Amino acid sequence: MHINPDHFLENVRKFIGPRMADNIRNFLVDLCSISGLVPSATLSDKFEGISALVRVKNEEWWIEPSLLSIKDLVNEYVIIDSSTDNTAIIIEDIKEKWGLKINHIIDFEDNIVNLSNKGFKLTNYKWVLRWDGDFIAKEEMSSTIRELIGSLNVKRFYSIYWSNICLDGDLYHQNLVEPFEFEHWLSKYTPRSVFVQIPHGYEYMRIPFYYAKRLSIDKPLSFHLRTVKPPKRLLFRKYWYELFEKDLTSKITFEKYVQNRILEEYNTKNIEEASRIYFKDFLSKFTLHDKSKYGDYPKILKEYAMKRFNIVL
């Protein structure tokens, strides 16, 4: 019988608790490193520093503050761009205006896992920050991360976890069922790491459990504007997931499926009208963002929201 190691370890983690699971994992990693089963991280031909790996598609609303919010943290950006809006133009403008080291690759492959692995292999620094075009770093993120990685054993591999504060619908609302997302956003590069597919189309970086010690930062360091998107795009995403989950991708075009569904759900053939109705219902499910509980907005987001949308945060 084949046992999926990721599923097995996740079940063990749930059973014994996160803290105990991390302690056991890190103890095993130490043993593997000491015994030579895991090579020293100093053998890597990567440069000292941090690469931002950004896989982006149609993020013209947020790509500017997203990239600029980490400019004092990362040494380079590797951006795999599948956009059909103005995202690519904005990235090139940022690159020229700020003199940032950006490797900007246009690639329209549909497979998100392949795109992520392509970008991962192009990174040049020992640490890889997984970043999205709708992530915004808090002011303290750069100093917190640099202080932490400066204190670590240079011979070891690490995965560093922290929480994103998630905003949904617009900049004022949150889904309190899932107000945070906790993930290993920063990892030391190892050729044994690889992006894999998980349910619902998301990609995940899998690192052999015996390779990297797991460290957690106990405070949110960034915001994720998770569903702060144009209403039409949110509606299309909803229907894309439906099509994917019903396994209909080979039986009907996405355009035809959308036409059928908006007529069925919203009694209209007008996509803009259907999008407005959907967004109003979508937003009604969320609660206002509580700064006192979940933290204030990053300064760069406040300035950009005012400049771009005349929104006061």
C-alpha atoms as a PDB file:
ATOM      1  CA  MET A   1       0.000   0.000   0.000  1.00  0.00           C
ATOM      2  CA  HIS A   2       1.359   3.425  -0.993  1.00  0.00           C
ATOM      3  CA  ILE A   3       1.442   6.007   1.808  1.00  0.00           C
ATOM      4  CA  ASN A   4       1.587   9.666   0.891  1.00  0.00           C
ATOM      5  CA  PRO A   5       4.263  11.081   3.257  1.00  0.00           C
ATOM      6  CA  ASP A   6       2.735  14.575   3.163  1.00  0.00           C
ATOM      7  CA  HIS A   7      -0.683  13.292   4.256  1.00  0.00           C
ATOM      8  CA  PHE A   8       0.845  11.011   6.889  1.00  0.00           C
ATOM      9  CA  LEU A   9       2.930  13.798   8.456  1.00  0.00           C
ATOM     10  CA  GLU A  10      -0.012  16.206   8.414  1.00  0.00           C
ATOM     11  CA  ASN A  11      -2.175  13.647  10.254  1.00  0.00           C
ATOM     12  CA  VAL A  12       0.584  13.092  12.817  1.00  0.00           C
ATOM     13  CA  ARG A  13       0.839  16.864  13.269  1.00  0.00           C
ATOM     14  CA  LYS A  14      -2.897  17.139  13.942  1.00  0.00           C
ATOM     15  CA  PHE A  15      -2.776  14.250  16.419  1.00  0.00           C
ATOM     16  CA  ILE A  16       0.175  15.335  18.597  1.00  0.00           C
ATOM     17  CA  GLY A  17      -0.122  19.099  18.119  1.00  0.00           C
ATOM     18  CA  PRO A  18       1.944  21.589  16.050  1.00  0.00           C
ATOM     19  CA  ARG A  19       4.561  22.408  18.688  1.00  0.00           C
ATOM     20  CA  MET A  20       5.401  18.797  19.493  1.00  0.00           C
ATOM     21  CA  ALA A  21       5.377  17.872  15.797  1.00  0.00           C
ATOM     22  CA  ASP A  22       7.812  20.676  14.976  1.00  0.00           C
ATOM     23  CA  ASN A  23      10.129  19.658  17.820  1.00  0.00           C
ATOM     24  CA  ILE A  24      10.197  16.038  16.616  1.00  0.00           C
ATOM     25  CA  ARG A  25      10.698  17.071  13.012  1.00  0.00           C
ATOM     26  CA  ASN A  26      13.546  19.438  13.872  1.00  0.00           C
ATOM     27  CA  PHE A  27      15.223  16.772  16.018  1.00  0.00           C
ATOM     28  CA  LEU A  28      15.126  14.341  13.064  1.00  0.00           C
ATOM     29  CA  VAL A  29      16.503  17.018  10.737  1.00  0.00           C
ATOM     30  CA  ASP A  30      19.393  17.594  13.143  1.00  0.00           C
ATOM     31  CA  LEU A  31      20.140  13.859  13.182  1.00  0.00           C
ATOM     32  CA  CYS A  32      20.064  13.641   9.394  1.00  0.00           C
ATOM     33  CA  SER A  33      22.350  16.657   9.077  1.00  0.00           C
ATOM     34  CA  ILE A  34      24.844  15.409  11.666  1.00  0.00           C
ATOM     35  CA  SER A  35      24.929  11.927  10.104  1.00  0.00           C
ATOM     36  CA  GLY A  36      25.565  13.328   6.636  1.00  0.00           C
ATOM     37  CA  LEU A  37      22.276  12.177   5.112  1.00  0.00           C
ATOM     38  CA  VAL A  38      21.594  15.824   4.289  1.00  0.00           C
ATOM     39  CA  PRO A  39      24.438  17.828   2.727  1.00  0.00           C
ATOM     40  CA  SER A  40      25.632  21.096   4.198  1.00  0.00           C
ATOM     41  CA  ALA A  41      23.836  24.174   2.876  1.00  0.00           C
ATOM     42  CA  THR A  42      27.249  25.812   2.446  1.00  0.00           C
ATOM     43  CA  LEU A  43      27.891  23.521  -0.543  1.00  0.00           C
ATOM     44  CA  SER A  44      25.281  25.395  -2.559  1.00  0.00           C
ATOM     45  CA  ASP A  45      26.516  27.492  -5.484  1.00  0.00           C
ATOM     46  CA  LYS A  46      23.807  30.097  -4.750  1.00  0.00           C
ATOM     47  CA  PHE A  47      24.706  33.602  -3.588  1.00  0.00           C
ATOM     48  CA  GLU A  48      24.039  34.837  -0.077  1.00  0.00           C
ATOM     49  CA  GLY A  49      20.730  36.668  -0.046  1.00  0.00           C
ATOM     50  CA  ILE A  50      17.058  36.306  -0.890  1.00  0.00           C
ATOM     51  CA  SER A  51      15.295  35.709  -4.198  1.00  0.00           C
ATOM     52  CA  ALA A  52      11.625  36.668  -4.488  1.00  0.00           C
ATOM     53  CA  LEU A  53       9.817  34.086  -6.604  1.00  0.00           C
ATOM     54  CA  VAL A  54       6.677  35.742  -7.984  1.00  0.00           C
ATOM     55  CA  ARG A  55       4.203  33.890 -10.195  1.00  0.00           C
ATOM     56  CA  VAL A  56       1.701  36.466 -11.361  1.00  0.00           C
ATOM     57  CA  LYS A  57      -1.377  36.643 -13.566  1.00  0.00           C
ATOM     58  CA  ASN A  58      -3.405  39.827 -14.070  1.00  0.00           C
ATOM     59  CA  GLU A  59      -2.504  41.702 -10.885  1.00  0.00           C
ATOM     60  CA  GLU A  60      -2.371  45.233 -12.304  1.00  0.00           C
ATOM     61  CA  TRP A  61      -4.256  46.546  -9.257  1.00  0.00           C
ATOM     62  CA  TRP A  62      -1.644  45.483  -6.691  1.00  0.00           C
ATOM     63  CA  ILE A  63       1.612  44.483  -8.380  1.00  0.00           C
ATOM     64  CA  GLU A  64       3.269  47.881  -7.780  1.00  0.00           C
ATOM     65  CA  PRO A  65       2.898  48.070  -3.971  1.00  0.00           C
ATOM     66  CA  SER A  66       3.444  44.313  -3.750  1.00  0.00           C
ATOM     67  CA  LEU A  67       6.888  44.407  -5.356  1.00  0.00           C
ATOM     68  CA  LEU A  68       7.959  47.674  -3.745  1.00  0.00           C
ATOM     69  CA  SER A  69       6.967  46.498  -0.253  1.00  0.00           C
ATOM     70  CA  ILE A  70       9.824  43.943  -0.291  1.00  0.00           C
ATOM     71  CA  LYS A  71      12.458  45.918  -2.203  1.00  0.00           C
ATOM     72  CA  ASP A  72      14.544  46.395   0.983  1.00  0.00           C
ATOM     73  CA  LEU A  73      14.384  42.674   1.775  1.00  0.00           C
ATOM     74  CA  VAL A  74      15.139  40.780  -1.436  1.00  0.00           C
ATOM     75  CA  ASN A  75      18.199  40.791  -3.675  1.00  0.00           C
ATOM     76  CA  GLU A  76      16.348  39.828  -6.836  1.00  0.00           C
ATOM     77  CA  TYR A  77      12.895  39.124  -8.231  1.00  0.00           C
ATOM     78  CA  VAL A  78      12.184  36.166 -10.499  1.00  0.00           C
ATOM     79  CA  ILE A  79       8.751  36.910 -11.956  1.00  0.00           C
ATOM     80  CA  ILE A  80       6.886  34.376 -14.084  1.00  0.00           C
ATOM     81  CA  ASP A  81       4.155  36.444 -15.717  1.00  0.00           C
ATOM     82  CA  SER A  82       1.058  35.030 -17.443  1.00  0.00           C
ATOM     83  CA  SER A  83      -0.835  38.327 -17.521  1.00  0.00           C
ATOM     84  CA  THR A  84      -3.030  39.635 -20.297  1.00  0.00           C
ATOM     85  CA  ASP A  85      -3.762  42.988 -18.593  1.00  0.00           C
ATOM     86  CA  ASN A  86      -1.265  45.799 -17.837  1.00  0.00           C
ATOM     87  CA  THR A  87       0.710  43.845 -15.233  1.00  0.00           C
ATOM     88  CA  ALA A  88       3.724  43.303 -17.514  1.00  0.00           C
ATOM     89  CA  ILE A  89       3.922  47.001 -18.388  1.00  0.00           C
ATOM     90  CA  ILE A  90       3.796  47.986 -14.721  1.00  0.00           C
ATOM     91  CA  ILE A  91       6.545  45.489 -13.834  1.00  0.00           C
ATOM     92  CA  GLU A  92       8.834  46.900 -16.520  1.00  0.00           C
ATOM     93  CA  ASP A  93       8.109  50.457 -15.332  1.00  0.00           C
ATOM     94  CA  ILE A  94       9.004  49.471 -11.744  1.00  0.00           C
ATOM     95  CA  LYS A  95      12.186  47.793 -12.935  1.00  0.00           C
ATOM     96  CA  GLU A  96      13.306  50.913 -14.800  1.00  0.00           C
ATOM     97  CA  LYS A  97      12.188  53.491 -12.222  1.00  0.00           C
ATOM     98  CA  TRP A  98      13.615  51.801  -9.130  1.00  0.00           C
ATOM     99  CA  GLY A  99      16.585  49.985 -10.682  1.00  0.00           C
ATOM    100  CA  LEU A 100      15.494  46.668  -9.183  1.00  0.00           C
ATOM    101  CA  LYS A 101      17.054  43.358 -10.206  1.00  0.00           C
ATOM    102  CA  ILE A 102      14.055  41.770 -11.912  1.00  0.00           C
ATOM    103  CA  ASN A 103      14.146  38.709 -14.153  1.00  0.00           C
ATOM    104  CA  HIS A 104      10.758  39.119 -15.855  1.00  0.00           C
ATOM    105  CA  ILE A 105       9.679  36.070 -17.854  1.00  0.00           C
ATOM    106  CA  ILE A 106       6.477  36.050 -19.909  1.00  0.00           C
ATOM    107  CA  ASP A 107       5.018  32.523 -19.986  1.00  0.00           C
ATOM    108  CA  PHE A 108       1.419  31.580 -20.730  1.00  0.00           C
ATOM    109  CA  GLU A 109       1.604  27.894 -19.841  1.00  0.00           C
ATOM    110  CA  ASP A 110      -1.592  26.795 -18.094  1.00  0.00           C
ATOM    111  CA  ASN A 111       0.083  24.501 -15.573  1.00  0.00           C
ATOM    112  CA  ILE A 112       0.736  26.581 -12.443  1.00  0.00           C
ATOM    113  CA  VAL A 113       3.028  23.914 -10.981  1.00  0.00           C
ATOM    114  CA  ASN A 114       5.283  23.893 -14.043  1.00  0.00           C
ATOM    115  CA  LEU A 115       5.453  27.689 -14.017  1.00  0.00           C
ATOM    116  CA  SER A 116       6.418  27.742 -10.344  1.00  0.00           C
ATOM    117  CA  ASN A 117       9.117  25.108 -10.827  1.00  0.00           C
ATOM    118  CA  LYS A 118      10.523  27.018 -13.810  1.00  0.00           C
ATOM    119  CA  GLY A 119      10.827  30.146 -11.706  1.00  0.00           C
ATOM    120  CA  PHE A 120      12.257  28.268  -8.728  1.00  0.00           C
ATOM    121  CA  LYS A 121      15.106  26.884 -10.824  1.00  0.00           C
ATOM    122  CA  LEU A 122      15.985  30.398 -12.038  1.00  0.00           C
ATOM    123  CA  THR A 123      16.547  31.827  -8.548  1.00  0.00           C
ATOM    124  CA  ASN A 124      20.147  32.799  -7.773  1.00  0.00           C
ATOM    125  CA  TYR A 125      20.164  33.251  -3.984  1.00  0.00           C
ATOM    126  CA  LYS A 126      20.216  30.832  -1.056  1.00  0.00           C
ATOM    127  CA  TRP A 127      16.857  31.897   0.324  1.00  0.00           C
ATOM    128  CA  VAL A 128      13.641  31.864  -1.722  1.00  0.00           C
ATOM    129  CA  LEU A 129      10.679  34.029  -0.749  1.00  0.00           C
ATOM    130  CA  ARG A 130       7.416  32.868  -2.313  1.00  0.00           C
ATOM    131  CA  TRP A 131       5.519  36.036  -3.072  1.00  0.00           C
ATOM    132  CA  ASP A 132       2.295  36.788  -4.923  1.00  0.00           C
ATOM    133  CA  GLY A 133       1.332  39.904  -6.819  1.00  0.00           C
ATOM    134  CA  ASP A 134      -1.339  40.690  -4.228  1.00  0.00           C
ATOM    135  CA  PHE A 135       0.870  40.294  -1.125  1.00  0.00           C
ATOM    136  CA  ILE A 136       1.909  43.465   0.721  1.00  0.00           C
ATOM    137  CA  ALA A 137       4.687  43.331   3.340  1.00  0.00           C
ATOM    138  CA  LYS A 138       4.310  45.078   6.685  1.00  0.00           C
ATOM    139  CA  GLU A 139       7.020  47.573   7.621  1.00  0.00           C
ATOM    140  CA  GLU A 140       8.692  45.255  10.131  1.00  0.00           C
ATOM    141  CA  MET A 141       8.912  42.277   7.773  1.00  0.00           C
ATOM    142  CA  SER A 142      12.342  43.081   6.336  1.00  0.00           C
ATOM    143  CA  SER A 143      14.119  43.609   9.679  1.00  0.00           C
ATOM    144  CA  THR A 144      12.373  40.639  11.315  1.00  0.00           C
ATOM    145  CA  ILE A 145      13.403  38.209   8.594  1.00  0.00           C
ATOM    146  CA  ARG A 146      16.934  39.501   8.165  1.00  0.00           C
ATOM    147  CA  GLU A 147      17.539  39.324  11.916  1.00  0.00           C
ATOM    148  CA  LEU A 148      16.216  35.763  12.048  1.00  0.00           C
ATOM    149  CA  ILE A 149      18.151  34.318   9.135  1.00  0.00           C
ATOM    150  CA  GLY A 150      21.297  36.080  10.343  1.00  0.00           C
ATOM    151  CA  SER A 151      21.061  34.089  13.576  1.00  0.00           C
ATOM    152  CA  LEU A 152      20.736  30.665  11.917  1.00  0.00           C
ATOM    153  CA  ASN A 153      23.300  27.938  11.316  1.00  0.00           C
ATOM    154  CA  VAL A 154      24.617  28.505   7.770  1.00  0.00           C
ATOM    155  CA  LYS A 155      25.086  24.751   7.289  1.00  0.00           C
ATOM    156  CA  ARG A 156      21.401  23.894   7.766  1.00  0.00           C
ATOM    157  CA  PHE A 157      18.265  24.195   5.656  1.00  0.00           C
ATOM    158  CA  TYR A 158      15.155  25.918   7.007  1.00  0.00           C
ATOM    159  CA  SER A 159      11.520  26.582   6.210  1.00  0.00           C
ATOM    160  CA  ILE A 160      10.194  29.753   7.838  1.00  0.00           C
ATOM    161  CA  TYR A 161       6.472  30.144   8.457  1.00  0.00           C
ATOM    162  CA  TRP A 162       4.363  33.179   9.278  1.00  0.00           C
ATOM    163  CA  SER A 163       0.803  34.374   8.799  1.00  0.00           C
ATOM    164  CA  ASN A 164      -0.647  36.612   6.146  1.00  0.00           C
ATOM    165  CA  ILE A 165      -3.568  38.803   7.226  1.00  0.00           C
ATOM    166  CA  CYS A 166      -6.180  38.230   4.536  1.00  0.00           C
ATOM    167  CA  LEU A 167      -8.553  40.821   3.131  1.00  0.00           C
ATOM    168  CA  ASP A 168     -11.568  39.745   1.100  1.00  0.00           C
ATOM    169  CA  GLY A 169     -13.947  41.465  -1.265  1.00  0.00           C
ATOM    170  CA  ASP A 170     -12.466  44.919  -0.729  1.00  0.00           C
ATOM    171  CA  LEU A 171      -9.831  46.559   1.462  1.00  0.00           C
ATOM    172  CA  TYR A 172     -12.237  46.943   4.378  1.00  0.00           C
ATOM    173  CA  HIS A 173     -13.442  43.361   4.872  1.00  0.00           C
ATOM    174  CA  GLN A 174     -12.229  39.986   6.114  1.00  0.00           C
ATOM    175  CA  ASN A 175     -13.517  36.455   6.063  1.00  0.00           C
ATOM    176  CA  LEU A 176     -13.409  35.650   9.785  1.00  0.00           C
ATOM    177  CA  VAL A 177     -13.646  31.928   9.069  1.00  0.00           C
ATOM    178  CA  GLU A 178     -10.129  32.219   7.620  1.00  0.00           C
ATOM    179  CA  PRO A 179      -8.660  35.603   8.592  1.00  0.00           C
ATOM    180  CA  PHE A 180      -5.081  34.304   8.245  1.00  0.00           C
ATOM    181  CA  GLU A 181      -3.117  31.937   6.051  1.00  0.00           C
ATOM    182  CA  PHE A 182      -0.073  30.289   7.623  1.00  0.00           C
ATOM    183  CA  GLU A 183       2.558  28.943   5.276  1.00  0.00           C
ATOM    184  CA  HIS A 184       6.322  28.527   4.794  1.00  0.00           C
ATOM    185  CA  TRP A 185       6.795  31.620   2.681  1.00  0.00           C
ATOM    186  CA  LEU A 186      10.594  31.618   3.008  1.00  0.00           C
ATOM    187  CA  SER A 187      12.823  28.591   2.505  1.00  0.00           C
ATOM    188  CA  LYS A 188      16.475  27.914   1.997  1.00  0.00           C
ATOM    189  CA  TYR A 189      17.029  26.651  -1.522  1.00  0.00           C
ATOM    190  CA  THR A 190      17.529  22.933  -2.003  1.00  0.00           C
ATOM    191  CA  PRO A 191      17.357  21.090  -5.340  1.00  0.00           C
ATOM    192  CA  ARG A 192      15.247  18.462  -3.548  1.00  0.00           C
ATOM    193  CA  SER A 193      12.410  20.960  -3.181  1.00  0.00           C
ATOM    194  CA  VAL A 194       9.670  20.938  -5.793  1.00  0.00           C
ATOM    195  CA  PHE A 195       6.273  22.484  -6.366  1.00  0.00           C
ATOM    196  CA  VAL A 196       3.418  19.981  -6.484  1.00  0.00           C
ATOM    197  CA  GLN A 197      -0.313  20.142  -7.150  1.00  0.00           C
ATOM    198  CA  ILE A 198      -2.846  20.003  -4.345  1.00  0.00           C
ATOM    199  CA  PRO A 199      -6.672  20.032  -4.594  1.00  0.00           C
ATOM    200  CA  HIS A 200      -8.511  22.993  -6.168  1.00  0.00           C
ATOM    201  CA  GLY A 201      -5.625  23.895  -8.441  1.00  0.00           C
ATOM    202  CA  TYR A 202      -3.229  25.427  -5.895  1.00  0.00           C
ATOM    203  CA  GLU A 203       0.485  24.733  -5.930  1.00  0.00           C
ATOM    204  CA  TYR A 204       2.563  23.916  -2.872  1.00  0.00           C
ATOM    205  CA  MET A 205       6.318  23.753  -2.313  1.00  0.00           C
ATOM    206  CA  ARG A 206       7.204  20.315  -0.990  1.00  0.00           C
ATOM    207  CA  ILE A 207      10.496  20.001   0.872  1.00  0.00           C
ATOM    208  CA  PRO A 208      11.664  16.575   2.109  1.00  0.00           C
ATOM    209  CA  PHE A 209      10.753  16.516   5.817  1.00  0.00           C
ATOM    210  CA  TYR A 210      14.256  15.409   6.858  1.00  0.00           C
ATOM    211  CA  TYR A 211      15.937  18.326   5.034  1.00  0.00           C
ATOM    212  CA  ALA A 212      14.651  21.547   6.545  1.00  0.00           C
ATOM    213  CA  LYS A 213      14.051  22.650  10.119  1.00  0.00           C
ATOM    214  CA  ARG A 214      10.673  24.290  10.548  1.00  0.00           C
ATOM    215  CA  LEU A 215      10.653  27.723  12.217  1.00  0.00           C
ATOM    216  CA  SER A 216       7.610  29.872  12.952  1.00  0.00           C
ATOM    217  CA  ILE A 217       7.397  33.634  13.382  1.00  0.00           C
ATOM    218  CA  ASP A 218       4.663  34.352  15.910  1.00  0.00           C
ATOM    219  CA  LYS A 219       3.281  37.499  14.307  1.00  0.00           C
ATOM    220  CA  PRO A 220       1.791  38.341  10.895  1.00  0.00           C
ATOM    221  CA  LEU A 221       4.329  39.924   8.566  1.00  0.00           C
ATOM    222  CA  SER A 222       2.234  40.597   5.493  1.00  0.00           C
ATOM    223  CA  PHE A 223      -1.210  41.191   4.061  1.00  0.00           C
ATOM    224  CA  HIS A 224      -2.820  39.129   1.335  1.00  0.00           C
ATOM    225  CA  LEU A 225      -5.446  40.989  -0.704  1.00  0.00           C
ATOM    226  CA  ARG A 226      -6.899  37.557  -1.296  1.00  0.00           C
ATOM    227  CA  THR A 227     -10.085  38.428  -3.131  1.00  0.00           C
ATOM    228  CA  VAL A 228      -9.700  42.192  -3.494  1.00  0.00           C
ATOM    229  CA  LYS A 229     -10.197  41.897  -7.246  1.00  0.00           C
ATOM    230  CA  PRO A 230     -12.512  43.286  -9.937  1.00  0.00           C
ATOM    231  CA  PRO A 231     -15.996  41.730  -9.489  1.00  0.00           C
ATOM    232  CA  LYS A 232     -15.922  40.192 -12.953  1.00  0.00           C
ATOM    233  CA  ARG A 233     -12.676  38.427 -12.180  1.00  0.00           C
ATOM    234  CA  LEU A 234     -14.095  37.008  -8.947  1.00  0.00           C
ATOM    235  CA  LEU A 235     -17.154  35.708 -10.769  1.00  0.00           C
ATOM    236  CA  PHE A 236     -14.978  34.098 -13.440  1.00  0.00           C
ATOM    237  CA  ARG A 237     -12.825  32.461 -10.768  1.00  0.00           C
ATOM    238  CA  LYS A 238     -15.919  31.021  -9.125  1.00  0.00           C
ATOM    239  CA  TYR A 239     -17.014  29.446 -12.404  1.00  0.00           C
ATOM    240  CA  TRP A 240     -13.515  28.244 -13.231  1.00  0.00           C
ATOM    241  CA  TYR A 241     -13.439  26.263  -9.980  1.00  0.00           C
ATOM    242  CA  GLU A 242     -16.903  24.877 -10.707  1.00  0.00           C
ATOM    243  CA  LEU A 243     -15.788  23.727 -14.134  1.00  0.00           C
ATOM    244  CA  PHE A 244     -12.651  22.196 -12.654  1.00  0.00           C
ATOM    245  CA  GLU A 245     -14.435  20.417  -9.787  1.00  0.00           C
ATOM    246  CA  LYS A 246     -17.174  19.048 -12.071  1.00  0.00           C
ATOM    247  CA  ASP A 247     -14.520  17.761 -14.485  1.00  0.00           C
ATOM    248  CA  LEU A 248     -16.160  19.547 -17.408  1.00  0.00           C
ATOM    249  CA  THR A 249     -13.081  21.225 -18.874  1.00  0.00           C
ATOM    250  CA  SER A 250     -13.014  18.855 -21.863  1.00  0.00           C
ATOM    251  CA  LYS A 251     -16.770  18.967 -22.463  1.00  0.00           C
ATOM    252  CA  ILE A 252     -17.606  22.676 -22.648  1.00  0.00           C
ATOM    253  CA  THR A 253     -15.704  25.899 -23.217  1.00  0.00           C
ATOM    254  CA  PHE A 254     -15.295  28.233 -20.282  1.00  0.00           C
ATOM    255  CA  GLU A 255     -17.057  31.036 -22.154  1.00  0.00           C
ATOM    256  CA  LYS A 256     -20.109  28.875 -22.845  1.00  0.00           C
ATOM    257  CA  TYR A 257     -20.180  27.629 -19.272  1.00  0.00           C
ATOM    258  CA  VAL A 258     -20.163  31.203 -17.959  1.00  0.00           C
ATOM    259  CA  GLN A 259     -22.998  32.178 -20.296  1.00  0.00           C
ATOM    260  CA  ASN A 260     -25.097  29.253 -19.123  1.00  0.00           C
ATOM    261  CA  ARG A 261     -24.414  29.837 -15.434  1.00  0.00           C
ATOM    262  CA  ILE A 262     -25.108  33.597 -15.284  1.00  0.00           C
ATOM    263  CA  LEU A 263     -28.411  33.049 -17.036  1.00  0.00           C
ATOM    264  CA  GLU A 264     -29.236  30.260 -14.586  1.00  0.00           C
ATOM    265  CA  GLU A 265     -28.096  32.087 -11.426  1.00  0.00           C
ATOM    266  CA  TYR A 266     -28.761  35.744 -12.179  1.00  0.00           C
ATOM    267  CA  ASN A 267     -31.345  35.636 -14.950  1.00  0.00           C
ATOM    268  CA  THR A 268     -29.237  37.794 -17.249  1.00  0.00           C
ATOM    269  CA  LYS A 269     -26.940  37.419 -20.236  1.00  0.00           C
ATOM    270  CA  ASN A 270     -24.987  40.530 -19.241  1.00  0.00           C
ATOM    271  CA  ILE A 271     -21.724  39.589 -17.520  1.00  0.00           C
ATOM    272  CA  GLU A 272     -21.242  43.037 -15.960  1.00  0.00           C
ATOM    273  CA  GLU A 273     -24.707  42.920 -14.382  1.00  0.00           C
ATOM    274  CA  ALA A 274     -24.137  39.375 -13.117  1.00  0.00           C
ATOM    275  CA  SER A 275     -20.769  40.453 -11.681  1.00  0.00           C
ATOM    276  CA  ARG A 276     -22.347  43.312  -9.722  1.00  0.00           C
ATOM    277  CA  ILE A 277     -25.024  41.045  -8.251  1.00  0.00           C
ATOM    278  CA  TYR A 278     -22.462  38.393  -7.361  1.00  0.00           C
ATOM    279  CA  PHE A 279     -20.059  40.862  -5.740  1.00  0.00           C
ATOM    280  CA  LYS A 280     -22.782  42.389  -3.543  1.00  0.00           C
ATOM    281  CA  ASP A 281     -23.695  38.942  -2.216  1.00  0.00           C
ATOM    282  CA  PHE A 282     -20.011  37.978  -1.921  1.00  0.00           C
ATOM    283  CA  LEU A 283     -19.170  41.033   0.191  1.00  0.00           C
ATOM    284  CA  SER A 284     -22.175  40.553   2.487  1.00  0.00           C
ATOM    285  CA  LYS A 285     -20.587  37.396   3.916  1.00  0.00           C
ATOM    286  CA  PHE A 286     -17.610  39.227   5.399  1.00  0.00           C
ATOM    287  CA  THR A 287     -16.893  41.405   8.434  1.00  0.00           C
ATOM    288  CA  LEU A 288     -15.126  44.752   8.633  1.00  0.00           C
ATOM    289  CA  HIS A 289     -11.377  44.519   9.176  1.00  0.00           C
ATOM    290  CA  ASP A 290     -10.561  45.185  12.846  1.00  0.00           C
ATOM    291  CA  LYS A 291      -7.245  47.055  13.044  1.00  0.00           C
ATOM    292  CA  SER A 292      -7.052  46.649  16.815  1.00  0.00           C
ATOM    293  CA  LYS A 293      -7.220  42.859  16.472  1.00  0.00           C
ATOM    294  CA  TYR A 294      -5.617  42.098  13.129  1.00  0.00           C
ATOM    295  CA  GLY A 295      -3.246  45.019  12.710  1.00  0.00           C
ATOM    296  CA  ASP A 296      -3.113  48.257  10.769  1.00  0.00           C
ATOM    297  CA  TYR A 297      -2.548  48.396   7.033  1.00  0.00           C
ATOM    298  CA  PRO A 298       1.018  48.750   5.731  1.00  0.00           C
ATOM    299  CA  LYS A 299       1.966  52.345   4.991  1.00  0.00           C
ATOM    300  CA  ILE A 300       2.699  51.570   1.341  1.00  0.00           C
ATOM    301  CA  LEU A 301      -0.804  50.136   0.895  1.00  0.00           C
ATOM    302  CA  LYS A 302      -2.406  53.195   2.488  1.00  0.00           C
ATOM    303  CA  GLU A 303      -0.497  55.527   0.170  1.00  0.00           C
ATOM    304  CA  TYR A 304      -1.218  53.461  -2.918  1.00  0.00           C
ATOM    305  CA  ALA A 305      -4.928  53.047  -2.134  1.00  0.00           C
ATOM    306  CA  MET A 306      -5.262  56.814  -1.859  1.00  0.00           C
ATOM    307  CA  LYS A 307      -3.222  57.523  -4.994  1.00  0.00           C
ATOM    308  CA  ARG A 308      -4.819  54.858  -7.195  1.00  0.00           C
ATOM    309  CA  PHE A 309      -8.388  54.547  -5.900  1.00  0.00           C
ATOM    310  CA  ASN A 310      -8.876  57.610  -3.636  1.00  0.00           C
ATOM    311  CA  ILE A 311      -9.532  55.217  -0.744  1.00  0.00           C
ATOM    312  CA  VAL A 312      -8.674  56.149   2.849  1.00  0.00           C
ATOM    313  CA  LEU A 313      -7.528  53.207   4.984  1.00  0.00           C
END
